[in-house]
Amino acid sequence: MDSGTTLAFIISCFCFAGVVVLSRNSIRQPLRRYLATAAIVMVTISFLIMLYLIFTGQFM
């Protein structure tokens, strides 16, 4: 895995989740549910990628 691309994906996932959490009052209810679900999925995937990289010894 390319470490630069992986790092950019992980940072963007956590930033997206942070934006969704911080702007939860200004997002309409139907859209808020889909954005929260997408944020949870993306953060879970990035966390699993971090674990994979740590256990295979490829983490930075």
C-alpha atoms as a PDB file:
ATOM      1  CA  MET A   1       0.000   0.000   0.000  1.00  0.00           C
ATOM      2  CA  ASP A   2       1.147   3.485  -0.767  1.00  0.00           C
ATOM      3  CA  SER A   3       1.633   5.173   2.577  1.00  0.00           C
ATOM      4  CA  GLY A   4       0.836   8.669   1.310  1.00  0.00           C
ATOM      5  CA  THR A   5      -2.495   7.646  -0.162  1.00  0.00           C
ATOM      6  CA  THR A   6      -3.400   5.605   2.888  1.00  0.00           C
ATOM      7  CA  LEU A   7      -2.544   8.453   5.227  1.00  0.00           C
ATOM      8  CA  ALA A   8      -4.597  10.904   3.141  1.00  0.00           C
ATOM      9  CA  PHE A   9      -7.581   8.529   3.220  1.00  0.00           C
ATOM     10  CA  ILE A  10      -7.368   8.070   6.992  1.00  0.00           C
ATOM     11  CA  ILE A  11      -7.076  11.807   7.646  1.00  0.00           C
ATOM     12  CA  SER A  12      -9.947  12.620   5.289  1.00  0.00           C
ATOM     13  CA  CYS A  13     -12.189  10.005   6.944  1.00  0.00           C
ATOM     14  CA  PHE A  14     -11.631  11.406  10.403  1.00  0.00           C
ATOM     15  CA  CYS A  15     -12.055  14.991   9.162  1.00  0.00           C
ATOM     16  CA  PHE A  16     -15.324  14.082   7.439  1.00  0.00           C
ATOM     17  CA  ALA A  17     -16.600  12.489  10.638  1.00  0.00           C
ATOM     18  CA  GLY A  18     -15.568  15.569  12.602  1.00  0.00           C
ATOM     19  CA  VAL A  19     -17.382  17.889  10.218  1.00  0.00           C
ATOM     20  CA  VAL A  20     -20.535  15.766  10.423  1.00  0.00           C
ATOM     21  CA  VAL A  21     -20.427  15.811  14.224  1.00  0.00           C
ATOM     22  CA  LEU A  22     -19.707  19.532  14.514  1.00  0.00           C
ATOM     23  CA  SER A  23     -22.395  20.577  12.015  1.00  0.00           C
ATOM     24  CA  ARG A  24     -25.093  18.164  13.121  1.00  0.00           C
ATOM     25  CA  ASN A  25     -27.497  20.966  14.081  1.00  0.00           C
ATOM     26  CA  SER A  26     -27.424  22.618  10.666  1.00  0.00           C
ATOM     27  CA  ILE A  27     -27.944  19.419   8.617  1.00  0.00           C
ATOM     28  CA  ARG A  28     -31.499  18.322   7.854  1.00  0.00           C
ATOM     29  CA  GLN A  29     -32.654  15.137   9.602  1.00  0.00           C
ATOM     30  CA  PRO A  30     -32.920  12.746   6.577  1.00  0.00           C
ATOM     31  CA  LEU A  31     -29.515  13.784   5.275  1.00  0.00           C
ATOM     32  CA  ARG A  32     -27.975  13.674   8.743  1.00  0.00           C
ATOM     33  CA  ARG A  33     -28.728   9.972   9.112  1.00  0.00           C
ATOM     34  CA  TYR A  34     -27.053   9.071   5.806  1.00  0.00           C
ATOM     35  CA  LEU A  35     -24.017  11.239   6.509  1.00  0.00           C
ATOM     36  CA  ALA A  36     -23.617   9.766   9.983  1.00  0.00           C
ATOM     37  CA  THR A  37     -23.830   6.238   8.574  1.00  0.00           C
ATOM     38  CA  ALA A  38     -21.260   7.065   5.896  1.00  0.00           C
ATOM     39  CA  ALA A  39     -18.962   8.602   8.515  1.00  0.00           C
ATOM     40  CA  ILE A  40     -19.209   5.528  10.751  1.00  0.00           C
ATOM     41  CA  VAL A  41     -18.438   3.208   7.841  1.00  0.00           C
ATOM     42  CA  MET A  42     -15.494   5.306   6.671  1.00  0.00           C
ATOM     43  CA  VAL A  43     -13.984   5.618  10.153  1.00  0.00           C
ATOM     44  CA  THR A  44     -14.377   1.870  10.693  1.00  0.00           C
ATOM     45  CA  ILE A  45     -12.644   1.108   7.401  1.00  0.00           C
ATOM     46  CA  SER A  46      -9.800   3.506   8.156  1.00  0.00           C
ATOM     47  CA  PHE A  47      -9.389   2.030  11.633  1.00  0.00           C
ATOM     48  CA  LEU A  48      -9.207  -1.484  10.145  1.00  0.00           C
ATOM     49  CA  ILE A  49      -6.637  -0.288   7.610  1.00  0.00           C
ATOM     50  CA  MET A  50      -4.564   1.193  10.449  1.00  0.00           C
ATOM     51  CA  LEU A  51      -4.724  -2.105  12.351  1.00  0.00           C
ATOM     52  CA  TYR A  52      -3.742  -4.024   9.224  1.00  0.00           C
ATOM     53  CA  LEU A  53      -0.770  -1.767   8.631  1.00  0.00           C
ATOM     54  CA  ILE A  54       0.358  -1.991  12.257  1.00  0.00           C
ATOM     55  CA  PHE A  55       0.163  -5.780  12.396  1.00  0.00           C
ATOM     56  CA  THR A  56       1.914  -6.279   9.044  1.00  0.00           C
ATOM     57  CA  GLY A  57       4.681  -3.863   9.975  1.00  0.00           C
ATOM     58  CA  GLN A  58       4.024  -1.437   7.127  1.00  0.00           C
ATOM     59  CA  PHE A  59       2.830   1.443   9.280  1.00  0.00           C
ATOM     60  CA  MET A  60       4.921   4.485   8.378  1.00  0.00           C
END
